[in-house]
Amino acid sequence: MNGQLKMISLKEYAINPVIKALIINDFVVWSGVNLISPILPLFIADRLDGKSIEIVATSTAIFLLVRSLIELPLGRITDKIRGDRDELWFRVGGTILASIILFLFPLVTQAWHLYLLQAISAIGRGIAAPAWYSLFSKYIDKGKEAVTWGIEDTMLNLGMAATAALGGFIAQESGFSVLFYIAGSLNLVGALIPLVAYDKIKKK
């Protein structure tokens, strides 16, 4: 009886390869991003003299505004293209673009540098996000929606919690530049993970 209950429990948490790849992709990418996010104001204060709080707020506003403007038209484009592999390539390409931007953050010396990088990063994230949600919605196992989203959210929060603490340690011991290089590398690796499910995703 106990063995049977254990088998049922494990089966309930089994997910298909496409969803598994998307969850791992999200886990790696946002773990990398969260190496930086909690200490970004400290980085800006260290690099830019003057109104660092105002600069942080402005750069965040730019990121959110540009990403918002990108996501809706990209979502419409992906919906109009038959098949699902366009979403896969949008996810991969957008994440790679945002990853490259992370390697450029150590070069920031002026506020406008930061604003430009945030805008380009927002374009990458705005391309990648609708594609990820589209694929996740299409390939999620029917009847397991809640548990699958639970796995996704749990993995995301665990990864971000771990890297939030780790990011501060790395910045303290090795400097901000090393931290951005590690975050960029994690994002590049994460960007390629969905490709392992390429053959499982529908063609046109």
Protein backbone atom coordinates (compact mmCIF):
# COMPACT_ATOMS: atom_id res chain seq x y z
CA MET A 1 0.00 0.00 0.00
CA ASN A 2 2.78 2.44 0.95
CA GLY A 3 4.69 1.56 -2.21
CA GLN A 4 1.60 2.19 -4.32
CA LEU A 5 1.05 5.58 -2.69
CA LYS A 6 4.70 6.49 -3.32
CA MET A 7 4.39 5.59 -7.01
CA ILE A 8 1.23 7.69 -7.34
CA SER A 9 2.97 10.64 -5.68
CA LEU A 10 5.99 10.46 -8.01
CA LYS A 11 3.75 10.15 -11.05
CA GLU A 12 1.86 13.29 -10.07
CA TYR A 13 5.10 15.28 -10.17
CA ALA A 14 6.32 13.87 -13.51
CA ILE A 15 6.39 16.48 -16.28
CA ASN A 16 7.05 16.29 -20.00
CA PRO A 17 10.48 17.10 -21.54
CA VAL A 18 9.47 20.47 -23.01
CA ILE A 19 8.15 21.78 -19.69
CA LYS A 20 11.17 20.37 -17.87
CA ALA A 21 13.52 22.22 -20.24
CA LEU A 22 11.55 25.47 -19.80
CA ILE A 23 11.63 25.22 -16.01
CA ILE A 24 15.38 24.58 -15.97
CA ASN A 25 15.84 27.44 -18.45
CA ASP A 26 13.92 29.83 -16.20
CA PHE A 27 15.71 28.57 -13.09
CA VAL A 28 19.21 29.15 -14.50
CA VAL A 29 18.42 32.48 -16.17
CA TRP A 30 16.72 34.12 -13.20
CA SER A 31 19.20 32.69 -10.72
CA GLY A 32 21.85 34.51 -12.74
CA VAL A 33 19.85 37.71 -12.86
CA ASN A 34 19.30 37.63 -9.11
CA LEU A 35 23.03 37.50 -8.47
CA ILE A 36 22.92 41.16 -9.45
CA SER A 37 19.47 42.56 -8.74
CA PRO A 38 19.73 42.97 -4.94
CA ILE A 39 23.07 44.79 -5.13
CA LEU A 40 22.60 46.80 -8.34
CA PRO A 41 22.08 50.04 -6.35
CA LEU A 42 25.44 49.46 -4.61
CA PHE A 43 27.13 48.91 -7.99
CA ILE A 44 25.67 52.15 -9.33
CA ALA A 45 26.67 54.08 -6.21
CA ASP A 46 30.18 52.66 -6.56
CA ARG A 47 30.51 53.58 -10.26
CA LEU A 48 28.50 56.79 -10.55
CA ASP A 49 28.91 59.84 -8.35
CA GLY A 50 25.93 61.95 -7.41
CA LYS A 51 22.28 60.98 -7.56
CA SER A 52 22.66 57.20 -7.45
CA ILE A 53 19.16 56.60 -6.02
CA GLU A 54 17.59 58.68 -8.78
CA ILE A 55 19.68 56.86 -11.41
CA VAL A 56 18.60 53.45 -10.09
CA ALA A 57 14.95 54.47 -10.18
CA THR A 58 15.22 55.94 -13.67
CA SER A 59 17.07 52.92 -15.07
CA THR A 60 14.45 50.58 -13.61
CA ALA A 61 11.66 52.67 -15.11
CA ILE A 62 13.36 52.57 -18.51
CA PHE A 63 13.72 48.80 -18.33
CA LEU A 64 10.07 48.23 -17.42
CA LEU A 65 8.75 50.73 -19.96
CA VAL A 66 10.76 49.34 -22.89
CA ARG A 67 9.95 45.75 -21.95
CA SER A 68 6.24 46.60 -21.77
CA LEU A 69 6.34 48.20 -25.22
CA ILE A 70 8.12 45.17 -26.71
CA GLU A 71 6.08 42.31 -25.24
CA LEU A 72 2.66 43.01 -26.76
CA PRO A 73 3.77 43.28 -30.42
CA LEU A 74 6.11 40.31 -30.02
CA GLY A 75 3.27 38.28 -28.55
CA ARG A 76 1.09 39.09 -31.56
CA ILE A 77 3.87 38.14 -33.98
CA THR A 78 4.48 34.77 -32.36
CA ASP A 79 0.76 34.01 -32.32
CA LYS A 80 0.51 34.65 -36.06
CA ILE A 81 3.41 32.35 -37.00
CA ARG A 82 2.32 28.74 -37.41
CA GLY A 83 4.14 26.13 -35.36
CA ASP A 84 5.94 26.57 -32.07
CA ARG A 85 9.61 26.71 -33.02
CA ASP A 86 9.46 30.45 -33.57
CA GLU A 87 8.68 30.81 -29.86
CA LEU A 88 11.66 28.63 -29.06
CA TRP A 89 14.01 30.81 -31.11
CA PHE A 90 12.54 34.02 -29.71
CA ARG A 91 13.17 32.69 -26.21
CA VAL A 92 16.72 31.67 -27.01
CA GLY A 93 17.59 34.79 -29.00
CA GLY A 94 16.06 37.25 -26.56
CA THR A 95 17.82 35.67 -23.61
CA ILE A 96 21.17 35.68 -25.44
CA LEU A 97 20.77 39.41 -26.17
CA ALA A 98 20.03 40.15 -22.50
CA SER A 99 22.96 37.92 -21.49
CA ILE A 100 25.43 39.85 -23.64
CA ILE A 101 24.32 43.09 -21.98
CA LEU A 102 25.30 41.71 -18.57
CA PHE A 103 28.93 41.43 -19.75
CA LEU A 104 28.87 45.16 -20.60
CA PHE A 105 27.74 46.45 -17.20
CA PRO A 106 31.33 46.64 -15.84
CA LEU A 107 32.03 49.26 -18.54
CA VAL A 108 29.43 51.67 -17.13
CA THR A 109 30.90 55.05 -16.16
CA GLN A 110 28.02 57.40 -16.99
CA ALA A 111 24.31 57.32 -16.20
CA TRP A 112 23.38 57.19 -19.90
CA HIS A 113 25.49 54.03 -20.28
CA LEU A 114 23.28 52.36 -17.70
CA TYR A 115 20.08 53.64 -19.30
CA LEU A 116 21.14 52.33 -22.72
CA LEU A 117 22.09 48.91 -21.37
CA GLN A 118 18.82 48.65 -19.44
CA ALA A 119 16.85 49.53 -22.58
CA ILE A 120 18.62 46.89 -24.69
CA SER A 121 18.30 44.32 -21.92
CA ALA A 122 14.57 45.09 -21.77
CA ILE A 123 14.29 44.40 -25.50
CA GLY A 124 15.90 41.00 -24.98
CA ARG A 125 13.69 40.12 -22.03
CA GLY A 126 10.65 41.46 -23.88
CA ILE A 127 11.37 39.16 -26.81
CA ALA A 128 12.02 36.14 -24.58
CA ALA A 129 9.17 36.38 -22.05
CA PRO A 130 6.05 36.01 -24.26
CA ALA A 131 7.70 33.11 -26.10
CA TRP A 132 8.41 31.28 -22.82
CA TYR A 133 4.84 31.76 -21.55
CA SER A 134 3.41 30.65 -24.89
CA LEU A 135 5.41 27.41 -24.92
CA PHE A 136 4.68 26.72 -21.27
CA SER A 137 0.95 27.22 -21.83
CA LYS A 138 0.89 24.94 -24.88
CA TYR A 139 2.95 22.06 -23.50
CA ILE A 140 1.84 21.96 -19.86
CA ASP A 141 0.36 18.56 -19.01
CA LYS A 142 -3.42 18.67 -18.80
CA GLY A 143 -4.68 17.95 -15.32
CA LYS A 144 -1.30 18.91 -13.79
CA GLU A 145 -1.44 22.66 -14.31
CA ALA A 146 -1.33 23.62 -10.62
CA VAL A 147 1.45 21.23 -9.63
CA THR A 148 3.50 22.17 -12.72
CA TRP A 149 3.24 25.88 -11.99
CA GLY A 150 4.06 25.03 -8.37
CA ILE A 151 7.27 23.28 -9.45
CA GLU A 152 8.18 26.24 -11.69
CA ASP A 153 7.60 28.81 -8.94
CA THR A 154 9.36 26.75 -6.27
CA MET A 155 12.44 26.21 -8.43
CA LEU A 156 12.53 29.89 -9.37
CA ASN A 157 12.29 31.10 -5.77
CA LEU A 158 14.89 28.62 -4.49
CA GLY A 159 17.36 29.62 -7.18
CA MET A 160 16.83 33.32 -6.64
CA ALA A 161 17.11 32.98 -2.86
CA ALA A 162 20.42 31.14 -3.13
CA THR A 163 21.98 33.52 -5.64
CA ALA A 164 20.78 36.66 -3.83
CA ALA A 165 22.99 35.70 -0.89
CA LEU A 166 25.80 34.42 -3.11
CA GLY A 167 25.88 37.60 -5.18
CA GLY A 168 26.76 39.75 -2.19
CA PHE A 169 29.58 37.41 -1.22
CA ILE A 170 31.08 37.34 -4.73
CA ALA A 171 30.89 41.13 -5.07
CA GLN A 172 32.57 41.57 -1.69
CA GLU A 173 35.38 39.06 -2.37
CA SER A 174 35.98 39.43 -6.12
CA GLY A 175 34.35 42.68 -7.22
CA PHE A 176 31.35 43.67 -9.28
CA SER A 177 32.92 42.83 -12.64
CA VAL A 178 33.37 39.16 -11.77
CA LEU A 179 29.77 39.07 -10.55
CA PHE A 180 28.44 40.39 -13.86
CA TYR A 181 30.59 37.93 -15.84
CA ILE A 182 29.23 35.01 -13.81
CA ALA A 183 25.65 36.26 -14.21
CA GLY A 184 26.14 36.69 -17.95
CA SER A 185 27.60 33.21 -18.27
CA LEU A 186 24.70 31.66 -16.38
CA ASN A 187 22.26 33.48 -18.64
CA LEU A 188 24.03 32.26 -21.78
CA VAL A 189 23.95 28.67 -20.55
CA GLY A 190 20.32 29.04 -19.53
CA ALA A 191 19.44 30.51 -22.94
CA LEU A 192 20.52 27.33 -24.72
CA ILE A 193 18.72 24.85 -22.45
CA PRO A 194 15.35 24.95 -24.30
CA LEU A 195 17.13 23.66 -27.42
CA VAL A 196 17.35 20.21 -25.83
CA ALA A 197 13.59 19.97 -26.42
CA TYR A 198 13.82 21.16 -30.03
CA ASP A 199 12.68 17.87 -31.51
CA LYS A 200 9.69 17.75 -29.17
CA ILE A 201 8.38 21.15 -30.30
CA LYS A 202 6.01 21.28 -33.26
CA LYS A 203 7.18 22.46 -36.67
CA LYS A 204 5.07 24.60 -38.96
